[in-house]
Amino acid sequence: MVDPPRWHVTCFYCFFRIESGRLPSLRHEIKEWMTSNEIKGLVLVAPEGINGTVSGSSEAISALKAFVRQVTGVEEIHFKDSESHVRPFRRASVDIRSEIVGMKRPDLVPDSPENHHLTPEQWHRMLDSDHPPVVIDTRNRYETLTGKFKGAIDPGLKSFSEWGDYLEQAELPRDETILIYCTGGIRCEKAILEMRTRGFDKVYQLRDGILGYLAEYPEGYFEGDCFVFDDRVALDGHLQPTDRFGICPGCGLTSGDRRECESCGRPYYVCTECAPTWPAACSKVCRDRLAQAAKRSANRR
C-alpha cells in the first residue's frame, strides 16, 4: 500500500496595487502566518502584487488560501494544487521585490483578471485542430529542457527580461493567432502585454499555465516534464515529482545526466557544459572533500 503524500503544494499569484510603505509590514504578516501554520515555501510581494509557491498539510494549505484572499482582498485567485512525497521546500521565505515576476518592466501590470485567457479545455481543443496555431513557450531555456508543448517555439531565453528582445528579432506573424504559455500563468500576464505594445492583437494565454493544463490533460499535448522552482525539480504529466532531471551542482541549471557521487555515493545530475570539468561530486561540499582527499594522496607519494 502506497503511503499518502506528506506534502500538499499550491502556487498562486495576484496582481493588485500595494503601497510601497505597506510591503515590510505585509512581508512580516505573511511570514508570521506561514511560520505559525508550518507552511514552507517562497512568497514574493511587490508594488504590483503577490506570487508564491508553498507546501504544508492539507489543512494548512486550505487555511492559507483563505488567508491570501483576506490579505489581498481578492476572491478570484487561481490556486494550482499538487501533492508530493518529496519535500518541496525546507524553510519559509517572504521576499520584497520590485516585480512579482522578473521582467524588468514594472510598468506592465494587468488591469483585468481576464486578458485573452484560454481554459485548458479551449487550449487543448485548439492544439487538437487540423491546423494548430503558433505556440510560444515564454519560459527560460533551463526550464524548457525538461519538456514543452508539442510543436511549441522555444525562444531560448536566458531570463524572462529577454522576452522583448526576442519579439523584436523574431519574425512572428502579427495577423495570425498566437498562443503563449508558462509554468503557472504569471509570466504570460506580462508577456501578452509586451506583445500588445508591439502590434500582436491575436494572442492568447493559457490560464493557470502548464500546471493547470496537466491537471486536466495528463496525457495531452505537453511532452516531457514540467520544471518547477523547488526541490522537486520537475513534475510528470500527473503532477508527480520525476527523477529524470536534477539541478547541476556546478551551475544550478537543469540536467538529465544522472551520475553517482564519488564522495558520498548519492546520485546527482551534471549539465553538458559543466560535465568536462566538474568532478564526480553531488555538491560543492563533496567536491571539496574529493579535492582534499586527492591532495592528501598526492602528499603521501
C-alpha atoms as a PDB file:
ATOM      1  CA  MET A   1       0.000   0.000   0.000  1.00  0.00           C
ATOM      2  CA  VAL A   2       1.371   3.397  -1.046  1.00  0.00           C
ATOM      3  CA  ASP A   3       1.678   5.943   1.739  1.00  0.00           C
ATOM      4  CA  PRO A   4      -0.332   9.153   1.226  1.00  0.00           C
ATOM      5  CA  PRO A   5       1.671  12.210   0.134  1.00  0.00           C
ATOM      6  CA  ARG A   6       3.237  14.056   3.059  1.00  0.00           C
ATOM      7  CA  TRP A   7       3.216  17.453   1.396  1.00  0.00           C
ATOM      8  CA  HIS A   8       0.440  19.384  -0.294  1.00  0.00           C
ATOM      9  CA  VAL A   9       1.643  22.126  -2.631  1.00  0.00           C
ATOM     10  CA  THR A  10      -0.071  25.157  -4.117  1.00  0.00           C
ATOM     11  CA  CYS A  11       1.149  28.033  -6.263  1.00  0.00           C
ATOM     12  CA  PHE A  12      -0.692  31.292  -6.814  1.00  0.00           C
ATOM     13  CA  TYR A  13      -0.374  34.905  -7.890  1.00  0.00           C
ATOM     14  CA  CYS A  14      -2.474  38.030  -7.842  1.00  0.00           C
ATOM     15  CA  PHE A  15      -1.877  41.449  -9.366  1.00  0.00           C
ATOM     16  CA  PHE A  16      -3.178  44.217  -7.120  1.00  0.00           C
ATOM     17  CA  ARG A  17      -1.803  47.564  -6.015  1.00  0.00           C
ATOM     18  CA  ILE A  18       0.274  47.583  -2.807  1.00  0.00           C
ATOM     19  CA  GLU A  19       1.685  50.822  -1.456  1.00  0.00           C
ATOM     20  CA  SER A  20       5.450  50.543  -1.076  1.00  0.00           C
ATOM     21  CA  GLY A  21       5.236  51.614   2.564  1.00  0.00           C
ATOM     22  CA  ARG A  22       2.991  48.632   3.329  1.00  0.00           C
ATOM     23  CA  LEU A  23       5.343  45.999   1.894  1.00  0.00           C
ATOM     24  CA  PRO A  24       7.518  45.487   5.033  1.00  0.00           C
ATOM     25  CA  SER A  25       4.513  45.003   7.315  1.00  0.00           C
ATOM     26  CA  LEU A  26       2.832  42.729   4.769  1.00  0.00           C
ATOM     27  CA  ARG A  27       6.005  40.683   4.485  1.00  0.00           C
ATOM     28  CA  HIS A  28       6.133  40.307   8.278  1.00  0.00           C
ATOM     29  CA  GLU A  29       2.444  39.367   8.482  1.00  0.00           C
ATOM     30  CA  ILE A  30       2.777  36.652   5.827  1.00  0.00           C
ATOM     31  CA  LYS A  31       5.993  35.255   7.296  1.00  0.00           C
ATOM     32  CA  GLU A  32       4.484  35.068  10.788  1.00  0.00           C
ATOM     33  CA  TRP A  33       1.390  33.326   9.455  1.00  0.00           C
ATOM     34  CA  MET A  34       3.428  30.790   7.476  1.00  0.00           C
ATOM     35  CA  THR A  35       5.607  30.024  10.484  1.00  0.00           C
ATOM     36  CA  SER A  36       2.639  29.633  12.825  1.00  0.00           C
ATOM     37  CA  ASN A  37       0.899  27.277  10.405  1.00  0.00           C
ATOM     38  CA  GLU A  38       4.016  25.257   9.478  1.00  0.00           C
ATOM     39  CA  ILE A  39       3.943  26.378   5.851  1.00  0.00           C
ATOM     40  CA  LYS A  40       7.202  26.168   3.887  1.00  0.00           C
ATOM     41  CA  GLY A  41       7.915  27.855   0.582  1.00  0.00           C
ATOM     42  CA  LEU A  42       8.583  31.169  -1.109  1.00  0.00           C
ATOM     43  CA  VAL A  43       6.254  34.158  -1.359  1.00  0.00           C
ATOM     44  CA  LEU A  44       7.133  37.344  -3.228  1.00  0.00           C
ATOM     45  CA  VAL A  45       5.464  40.690  -2.619  1.00  0.00           C
ATOM     46  CA  ALA A  46       5.906  43.806  -4.756  1.00  0.00           C
ATOM     47  CA  PRO A  47       4.028  47.002  -5.533  1.00  0.00           C
ATOM     48  CA  GLU A  48       2.249  45.091  -8.299  1.00  0.00           C
ATOM     49  CA  GLY A  49       1.019  42.141  -6.182  1.00  0.00           C
ATOM     50  CA  ILE A  50       1.861  38.757  -4.691  1.00  0.00           C
ATOM     51  CA  ASN A  51       3.274  35.493  -6.070  1.00  0.00           C
ATOM     52  CA  GLY A  52       4.065  32.295  -4.221  1.00  0.00           C
ATOM     53  CA  THR A  53       4.559  28.550  -4.125  1.00  0.00           C
ATOM     54  CA  VAL A  54       4.195  26.875  -0.739  1.00  0.00           C
ATOM     55  CA  SER A  55       3.735  23.468   0.870  1.00  0.00           C
ATOM     56  CA  GLY A  56       2.234  22.088   4.048  1.00  0.00           C
ATOM     57  CA  SER A  57      -0.516  19.834   5.346  1.00  0.00           C
ATOM     58  CA  SER A  58      -3.852  19.684   3.554  1.00  0.00           C
ATOM     59  CA  GLU A  59      -5.466  21.683   6.361  1.00  0.00           C
ATOM     60  CA  ALA A  60      -2.701  24.301   6.356  1.00  0.00           C
ATOM     61  CA  ILE A  61      -2.940  24.815   2.586  1.00  0.00           C
ATOM     62  CA  SER A  62      -6.715  25.254   2.805  1.00  0.00           C
ATOM     63  CA  ALA A  63      -6.224  27.835   5.549  1.00  0.00           C
ATOM     64  CA  LEU A  64      -3.531  29.590   3.509  1.00  0.00           C
ATOM     65  CA  LYS A  65      -5.886  30.082   0.588  1.00  0.00           C
ATOM     66  CA  ALA A  66      -8.359  31.852   2.847  1.00  0.00           C
ATOM     67  CA  PHE A  67      -5.534  33.910   4.362  1.00  0.00           C
ATOM     68  CA  VAL A  68      -4.216  35.012   0.938  1.00  0.00           C
ATOM     69  CA  ARG A  69      -7.684  36.068  -0.171  1.00  0.00           C
ATOM     70  CA  GLN A  70      -8.077  38.004   3.059  1.00  0.00           C
ATOM     71  CA  VAL A  71      -4.772  39.928   2.884  1.00  0.00           C
ATOM     72  CA  THR A  72      -5.167  40.720  -0.819  1.00  0.00           C
ATOM     73  CA  GLY A  73      -8.869  41.490  -0.704  1.00  0.00           C
ATOM     74  CA  VAL A  74      -9.213  39.468  -3.933  1.00  0.00           C
ATOM     75  CA  GLU A  75     -11.538  36.457  -4.085  1.00  0.00           C
ATOM     76  CA  GLU A  76     -10.848  35.334  -7.650  1.00  0.00           C
ATOM     77  CA  ILE A  77      -7.373  33.851  -7.164  1.00  0.00           C
ATOM     78  CA  HIS A  78      -6.486  30.657  -9.030  1.00  0.00           C
ATOM     79  CA  PHE A  79      -4.539  28.166  -6.913  1.00  0.00           C
ATOM     80  CA  LYS A  80      -2.658  25.395  -8.721  1.00  0.00           C
ATOM     81  CA  ASP A  81      -2.520  22.358  -6.428  1.00  0.00           C
ATOM     82  CA  SER A  82      -0.376  19.236  -6.411  1.00  0.00           C
ATOM     83  CA  GLU A  83       0.861  16.629  -3.930  1.00  0.00           C
ATOM     84  CA  SER A  84       4.317  15.259  -3.264  1.00  0.00           C
ATOM     85  CA  HIS A  85       6.203  12.558  -1.385  1.00  0.00           C
ATOM     86  CA  VAL A  86       9.311  14.706  -1.934  1.00  0.00           C
ATOM     87  CA  ARG A  87       9.772  17.708   0.371  1.00  0.00           C
ATOM     88  CA  PRO A  88       9.443  20.759  -1.934  1.00  0.00           C
ATOM     89  CA  PHE A  89      10.800  23.396   0.479  1.00  0.00           C
ATOM     90  CA  ARG A  90      12.995  23.424   3.559  1.00  0.00           C
ATOM     91  CA  ARG A  91      12.068  26.814   5.001  1.00  0.00           C
ATOM     92  CA  ALA A  92       9.589  29.674   4.811  1.00  0.00           C
ATOM     93  CA  SER A  93      10.704  32.789   2.924  1.00  0.00           C
ATOM     94  CA  VAL A  94       8.890  36.017   2.100  1.00  0.00           C
ATOM     95  CA  ASP A  95      10.818  38.478  -0.060  1.00  0.00           C
ATOM     96  CA  ILE A  96      10.116  42.025  -1.192  1.00  0.00           C
ATOM     97  CA  ARG A  97      10.831  42.566  -4.897  1.00  0.00           C
ATOM     98  CA  SER A  98      10.303  45.296  -7.473  1.00  0.00           C
ATOM     99  CA  GLU A  99       8.188  42.829  -9.502  1.00  0.00           C
ATOM    100  CA  ILE A 100       6.482  39.536  -8.657  1.00  0.00           C
ATOM    101  CA  VAL A 101       7.724  38.186 -11.977  1.00  0.00           C
ATOM    102  CA  GLY A 102      11.164  39.356 -13.099  1.00  0.00           C
ATOM    103  CA  MET A 103      10.692  41.030 -16.479  1.00  0.00           C
ATOM    104  CA  LYS A 104      12.303  44.385 -15.625  1.00  0.00           C
ATOM    105  CA  ARG A 105       9.051  46.020 -16.743  1.00  0.00           C
ATOM    106  CA  PRO A 106       7.249  47.168 -13.573  1.00  0.00           C
ATOM    107  CA  ASP A 107       5.161  49.416 -15.829  1.00  0.00           C
ATOM    108  CA  LEU A 108       3.470  46.389 -17.392  1.00  0.00           C
ATOM    109  CA  VAL A 109       0.740  45.366 -14.952  1.00  0.00           C
ATOM    110  CA  PRO A 110      -2.534  43.659 -15.944  1.00  0.00           C
ATOM    111  CA  ASP A 111      -5.544  45.852 -15.212  1.00  0.00           C
ATOM    112  CA  SER A 112      -8.039  43.000 -15.561  1.00  0.00           C
ATOM    113  CA  PRO A 113      -8.114  39.342 -14.424  1.00  0.00           C
ATOM    114  CA  GLU A 114      -9.335  38.378 -17.897  1.00  0.00           C
ATOM    115  CA  ASN A 115      -6.937  39.161 -20.735  1.00  0.00           C
ATOM    116  CA  HIS A 116      -7.412  36.717 -23.609  1.00  0.00           C
ATOM    117  CA  HIS A 117      -7.163  33.671 -21.346  1.00  0.00           C
ATOM    118  CA  LEU A 118      -7.887  30.197 -22.664  1.00  0.00           C
ATOM    119  CA  THR A 119      -9.070  27.453 -20.331  1.00  0.00           C
ATOM    120  CA  PRO A 120      -7.161  24.159 -20.523  1.00  0.00           C
ATOM    121  CA  GLU A 121     -10.105  22.726 -22.465  1.00  0.00           C
ATOM    122  CA  GLN A 122     -10.062  25.574 -25.019  1.00  0.00           C
ATOM    123  CA  TRP A 123      -6.265  25.332 -25.312  1.00  0.00           C
ATOM    124  CA  HIS A 124      -6.393  21.577 -25.840  1.00  0.00           C
ATOM    125  CA  ARG A 125      -9.095  21.947 -28.477  1.00  0.00           C
ATOM    126  CA  MET A 126      -7.019  24.494 -30.422  1.00  0.00           C
ATOM    127  CA  LEU A 127      -3.943  22.256 -30.357  1.00  0.00           C
ATOM    128  CA  ASP A 128      -6.124  19.342 -31.445  1.00  0.00           C
ATOM    129  CA  SER A 129      -7.262  21.122 -34.610  1.00  0.00           C
ATOM    130  CA  ASP A 130      -6.098  20.197 -38.108  1.00  0.00           C
ATOM    131  CA  HIS A 131      -4.208  23.491 -38.331  1.00  0.00           C
ATOM    132  CA  PRO A 132      -2.967  24.363 -34.811  1.00  0.00           C
ATOM    133  CA  PRO A 133      -1.825  27.970 -34.269  1.00  0.00           C
ATOM    134  CA  VAL A 134       1.670  29.190 -33.477  1.00  0.00           C
ATOM    135  CA  VAL A 135       2.569  28.283 -29.876  1.00  0.00           C
ATOM    136  CA  ILE A 136       5.390  30.024 -27.965  1.00  0.00           C
ATOM    137  CA  ASP A 137       6.965  28.994 -24.668  1.00  0.00           C
ATOM    138  CA  THR A 138       7.722  32.085 -22.567  1.00  0.00           C
ATOM    139  CA  ARG A 139       9.898  30.236 -20.040  1.00  0.00           C
ATOM    140  CA  ASN A 140      13.680  30.251 -19.753  1.00  0.00           C
ATOM    141  CA  ARG A 141      15.825  27.735 -21.591  1.00  0.00           C
ATOM    142  CA  TYR A 142      16.735  25.749 -18.477  1.00  0.00           C
ATOM    143  CA  GLU A 143      13.000  25.202 -17.908  1.00  0.00           C
ATOM    144  CA  THR A 144      12.129  24.123 -21.434  1.00  0.00           C
ATOM    145  CA  LEU A 145      14.876  21.476 -21.356  1.00  0.00           C
ATOM    146  CA  THR A 146      12.634  19.217 -19.275  1.00  0.00           C
ATOM    147  CA  GLY A 147       9.639  19.471 -21.608  1.00  0.00           C
ATOM    148  CA  LYS A 148       7.294  21.699 -23.608  1.00  0.00           C
ATOM    149  CA  PHE A 149       4.101  21.607 -25.641  1.00  0.00           C
ATOM    150  CA  LYS A 150       4.257  19.671 -28.888  1.00  0.00           C
ATOM    151  CA  GLY A 151       5.460  21.914 -31.708  1.00  0.00           C
ATOM    152  CA  ALA A 152       5.958  24.943 -29.450  1.00  0.00           C
ATOM    153  CA  ILE A 153       8.624  27.521 -30.291  1.00  0.00           C
ATOM    154  CA  ASP A 154      11.372  27.784 -27.675  1.00  0.00           C
ATOM    155  CA  PRO A 155      12.860  31.320 -27.820  1.00  0.00           C
ATOM    156  CA  GLY A 156      15.919  30.140 -25.871  1.00  0.00           C
ATOM    157  CA  LEU A 157      15.599  32.845 -23.217  1.00  0.00           C
ATOM    158  CA  LYS A 158      18.291  33.046 -20.551  1.00  0.00           C
ATOM    159  CA  SER A 159      15.968  35.229 -18.485  1.00  0.00           C
ATOM    160  CA  PHE A 160      12.411  36.482 -18.894  1.00  0.00           C
ATOM    161  CA  SER A 161      13.715  40.037 -19.306  1.00  0.00           C
ATOM    162  CA  GLU A 162      14.851  38.988 -22.820  1.00  0.00           C
ATOM    163  CA  TRP A 163      11.253  38.499 -23.962  1.00  0.00           C
ATOM    164  CA  GLY A 164      11.012  41.967 -25.535  1.00  0.00           C
ATOM    165  CA  ASP A 165      14.304  41.460 -27.417  1.00  0.00           C
ATOM    166  CA  TYR A 166      13.035  38.131 -28.716  1.00  0.00           C
ATOM    167  CA  LEU A 167       9.834  39.705 -30.049  1.00  0.00           C
ATOM    168  CA  GLU A 168      11.900  42.436 -31.697  1.00  0.00           C
ATOM    169  CA  GLN A 169      14.044  39.943 -33.584  1.00  0.00           C
ATOM    170  CA  ALA A 170      11.627  37.078 -34.236  1.00  0.00           C
ATOM    171  CA  GLU A 171       9.667  37.135 -37.457  1.00  0.00           C
ATOM    172  CA  LEU A 172       6.305  36.261 -35.946  1.00  0.00           C
ATOM    173  CA  PRO A 173       3.055  36.767 -37.877  1.00  0.00           C
ATOM    174  CA  ARG A 174       1.032  39.664 -36.485  1.00  0.00           C
ATOM    175  CA  ASP A 175      -2.106  38.734 -38.390  1.00  0.00           C
ATOM    176  CA  GLU A 176      -2.310  35.119 -37.178  1.00  0.00           C
ATOM    177  CA  THR A 177      -3.404  33.609 -33.872  1.00  0.00           C
ATOM    178  CA  ILE A 178      -0.542  33.052 -31.413  1.00  0.00           C
ATOM    179  CA  LEU A 179      -0.752  31.083 -28.172  1.00  0.00           C
ATOM    180  CA  ILE A 180       1.674  31.619 -25.280  1.00  0.00           C
ATOM    181  CA  TYR A 181       2.177  29.655 -22.076  1.00  0.00           C
ATOM    182  CA  CYS A 182       4.389  29.324 -18.988  1.00  0.00           C
ATOM    183  CA  THR A 183       4.502  27.219 -15.803  1.00  0.00           C
ATOM    184  CA  GLY A 184       1.618  28.636 -13.787  1.00  0.00           C
ATOM    185  CA  GLY A 185       0.366  31.555 -15.870  1.00  0.00           C
ATOM    186  CA  ILE A 186       2.031  34.567 -14.270  1.00  0.00           C
ATOM    187  CA  ARG A 187       4.708  35.247 -16.880  1.00  0.00           C
ATOM    188  CA  CYS A 188       2.134  35.248 -19.660  1.00  0.00           C
ATOM    189  CA  GLU A 189       0.218  38.008 -17.869  1.00  0.00           C
ATOM    190  CA  LYS A 190       3.126  40.333 -18.673  1.00  0.00           C
ATOM    191  CA  ALA A 191       4.281  38.645 -21.872  1.00  0.00           C
ATOM    192  CA  ILE A 192       0.918  39.275 -23.520  1.00  0.00           C
ATOM    193  CA  LEU A 193       1.047  42.970 -22.594  1.00  0.00           C
ATOM    194  CA  GLU A 194       4.505  43.261 -24.157  1.00  0.00           C
ATOM    195  CA  MET A 195       3.165  41.622 -27.313  1.00  0.00           C
ATOM    196  CA  ARG A 196       0.237  44.032 -27.462  1.00  0.00           C
ATOM    197  CA  THR A 197       2.602  47.016 -27.394  1.00  0.00           C
ATOM    198  CA  ARG A 198       4.280  45.515 -30.473  1.00  0.00           C
ATOM    199  CA  GLY A 199       1.125  45.043 -32.521  1.00  0.00           C
ATOM    200  CA  PHE A 200       0.216  41.434 -31.705  1.00  0.00           C
ATOM    201  CA  ASP A 201      -3.560  41.559 -31.237  1.00  0.00           C
ATOM    202  CA  LYS A 202      -4.497  37.917 -31.858  1.00  0.00           C
ATOM    203  CA  VAL A 203      -2.548  36.464 -28.945  1.00  0.00           C
ATOM    204  CA  TYR A 204      -3.978  34.250 -26.205  1.00  0.00           C
ATOM    205  CA  GLN A 205      -2.521  32.884 -22.966  1.00  0.00           C
ATOM    206  CA  LEU A 206      -3.064  29.565 -21.197  1.00  0.00           C
ATOM    207  CA  ARG A 207      -4.882  30.160 -17.917  1.00  0.00           C
ATOM    208  CA  ASP A 208      -3.008  28.539 -14.993  1.00  0.00           C
ATOM    209  CA  GLY A 209      -0.199  27.525 -17.334  1.00  0.00           C
ATOM    210  CA  ILE A 210       1.228  24.041 -17.750  1.00  0.00           C
ATOM    211  CA  LEU A 211       0.225  23.060 -14.220  1.00  0.00           C
ATOM    212  CA  GLY A 212      -3.423  23.858 -14.899  1.00  0.00           C
ATOM    213  CA  TYR A 213      -3.328  22.013 -18.218  1.00  0.00           C
ATOM    214  CA  LEU A 214      -1.741  18.853 -16.785  1.00  0.00           C
ATOM    215  CA  ALA A 215      -4.341  18.755 -14.010  1.00  0.00           C
ATOM    216  CA  GLU A 216      -6.962  18.190 -16.733  1.00  0.00           C
ATOM    217  CA  TYR A 217      -4.949  16.606 -19.546  1.00  0.00           C
ATOM    218  CA  PRO A 218      -2.133  14.489 -18.074  1.00  0.00           C
ATOM    219  CA  GLU A 219      -1.777  12.611 -21.366  1.00  0.00           C
ATOM    220  CA  GLY A 220      -2.356  15.621 -23.609  1.00  0.00           C
ATOM    221  CA  TYR A 221      -0.069  17.711 -25.807  1.00  0.00           C
ATOM    222  CA  PHE A 222       2.573  18.561 -23.223  1.00  0.00           C
ATOM    223  CA  GLU A 223       5.650  16.453 -23.900  1.00  0.00           C
ATOM    224  CA  GLY A 224       8.164  15.633 -21.163  1.00  0.00           C
ATOM    225  CA  ASP A 225       8.181  17.023 -17.627  1.00  0.00           C
ATOM    226  CA  CYS A 226       7.353  20.457 -16.208  1.00  0.00           C
ATOM    227  CA  PHE A 227      10.178  22.282 -14.423  1.00  0.00           C
ATOM    228  CA  VAL A 228       9.232  23.766 -11.042  1.00  0.00           C
ATOM    229  CA  PHE A 229      11.147  26.131  -8.763  1.00  0.00           C
ATOM    230  CA  ASP A 230      11.553  23.881  -5.723  1.00  0.00           C
ATOM    231  CA  ASP A 231      13.284  20.698  -4.617  1.00  0.00           C
ATOM    232  CA  ARG A 232      11.015  18.521  -6.773  1.00  0.00           C
ATOM    233  CA  VAL A 233      12.805  19.986  -9.841  1.00  0.00           C
ATOM    234  CA  ALA A 234      10.249  18.686 -12.356  1.00  0.00           C
ATOM    235  CA  LEU A 235       6.764  17.133 -12.417  1.00  0.00           C
ATOM    236  CA  ASP A 236       5.437  14.474 -14.776  1.00  0.00           C
ATOM    237  CA  GLY A 237       2.099  14.567 -16.564  1.00  0.00           C
ATOM    238  CA  HIS A 238       0.311  13.557 -13.376  1.00  0.00           C
ATOM    239  CA  LEU A 239       1.969  16.374 -11.391  1.00  0.00           C
ATOM    240  CA  GLN A 240       4.198  13.934  -9.521  1.00  0.00           C
ATOM    241  CA  PRO A 241       7.943  14.555  -8.929  1.00  0.00           C
ATOM    242  CA  THR A 242      10.109  12.896 -11.564  1.00  0.00           C
ATOM    243  CA  ASP A 243      13.640  11.536 -11.156  1.00  0.00           C
ATOM    244  CA  ARG A 244      14.523  12.156 -14.807  1.00  0.00           C
ATOM    245  CA  PHE A 245      16.005  15.578 -14.079  1.00  0.00           C
ATOM    246  CA  GLY A 246      18.020  17.328 -11.412  1.00  0.00           C
ATOM    247  CA  ILE A 247      19.951  20.523 -10.760  1.00  0.00           C
ATOM    248  CA  CYS A 248      23.600  20.655 -11.810  1.00  0.00           C
ATOM    249  CA  PRO A 249      25.764  21.433  -8.722  1.00  0.00           C
ATOM    250  CA  GLY A 250      28.225  23.290 -10.925  1.00  0.00           C
ATOM    251  CA  CYS A 251      25.942  25.952 -12.385  1.00  0.00           C
ATOM    252  CA  GLY A 252      22.468  25.389 -10.929  1.00  0.00           C
ATOM    253  CA  LEU A 253      20.827  24.648 -14.270  1.00  0.00           C
ATOM    254  CA  THR A 254      18.692  21.674 -15.303  1.00  0.00           C
ATOM    255  CA  SER A 255      20.241  18.384 -16.360  1.00  0.00           C
ATOM    256  CA  GLY A 256      19.119  14.882 -17.254  1.00  0.00           C
ATOM    257  CA  ASP A 257      22.601  13.324 -16.972  1.00  0.00           C
ATOM    258  CA  ARG A 258      22.405  11.248 -13.772  1.00  0.00           C
ATOM    259  CA  ARG A 259      25.640  10.134 -12.078  1.00  0.00           C
ATOM    260  CA  GLU A 260      26.880   8.878  -8.703  1.00  0.00           C
ATOM    261  CA  CYS A 261      28.914  10.990  -6.288  1.00  0.00           C
ATOM    262  CA  GLU A 262      32.357   9.500  -5.591  1.00  0.00           C
ATOM    263  CA  SER A 263      32.388  11.126  -2.154  1.00  0.00           C
ATOM    264  CA  CYS A 264      29.036  10.230  -0.569  1.00  0.00           C
ATOM    265  CA  GLY A 265      27.517   7.856  -3.122  1.00  0.00           C
ATOM    266  CA  ARG A 266      24.367   9.889  -3.689  1.00  0.00           C
ATOM    267  CA  PRO A 267      23.003  10.375  -7.220  1.00  0.00           C
ATOM    268  CA  TYR A 268      23.413  13.771  -8.856  1.00  0.00           C
ATOM    269  CA  TYR A 269      22.981  15.421 -12.243  1.00  0.00           C
ATOM    270  CA  VAL A 270      25.511  17.397 -14.245  1.00  0.00           C
ATOM    271  CA  CYS A 271      24.849  19.570 -17.299  1.00  0.00           C
ATOM    272  CA  THR A 272      26.653  19.287 -20.622  1.00  0.00           C
ATOM    273  CA  GLU A 273      28.710  22.441 -20.095  1.00  0.00           C
ATOM    274  CA  CYS A 274      29.932  21.508 -16.587  1.00  0.00           C
ATOM    275  CA  ALA A 275      30.496  17.794 -17.250  1.00  0.00           C
ATOM    276  CA  PRO A 276      34.034  18.117 -18.717  1.00  0.00           C
ATOM    277  CA  THR A 277      35.425  19.997 -15.698  1.00  0.00           C
ATOM    278  CA  TRP A 278      33.128  19.222 -12.760  1.00  0.00           C
ATOM    279  CA  PRO A 279      34.424  16.371 -10.537  1.00  0.00           C
ATOM    280  CA  ALA A 280      32.220  13.373  -9.720  1.00  0.00           C
ATOM    281  CA  ALA A 281      30.586  15.183  -6.796  1.00  0.00           C
ATOM    282  CA  CYS A 282      26.955  15.902  -5.916  1.00  0.00           C
ATOM    283  CA  SER A 283      27.721  19.244  -4.262  1.00  0.00           C
ATOM    284  CA  LYS A 284      30.422  21.815  -3.655  1.00  0.00           C
ATOM    285  CA  VAL A 285      30.980  20.223  -0.232  1.00  0.00           C
ATOM    286  CA  CYS A 286      31.668  16.817  -1.783  1.00  0.00           C
ATOM    287  CA  ARG A 287      33.763  18.483  -4.490  1.00  0.00           C
ATOM    288  CA  ASP A 288      35.998  19.993  -1.809  1.00  0.00           C
ATOM    289  CA  ARG A 289      36.210  16.672   0.017  1.00  0.00           C
ATOM    290  CA  LEU A 290      37.378  14.943  -3.146  1.00  0.00           C
ATOM    291  CA  ALA A 291      39.955  17.682  -3.753  1.00  0.00           C
ATOM    292  CA  GLN A 292      41.263  17.357  -0.186  1.00  0.00           C
ATOM    293  CA  ALA A 293      41.473  13.565  -0.484  1.00  0.00           C
ATOM    294  CA  ALA A 294      43.383  13.887  -3.749  1.00  0.00           C
ATOM    295  CA  LYS A 295      45.758  16.367  -2.131  1.00  0.00           C
ATOM    296  CA  ARG A 296      46.416  14.065   0.840  1.00  0.00           C
ATOM    297  CA  SER A 297      47.017  11.159  -1.520  1.00  0.00           C
ATOM    298  CA  ALA A 298      49.471  13.216  -3.543  1.00  0.00           C
ATOM    299  CA  ASN A 299      51.352  14.288  -0.399  1.00  0.00           C
ATOM    300  CA  ARG A 300      51.789  10.655   0.674  1.00  0.00           C
ATOM    301  CA  ARG A 301      53.528   9.756  -2.545  1.00  0.00           C
END
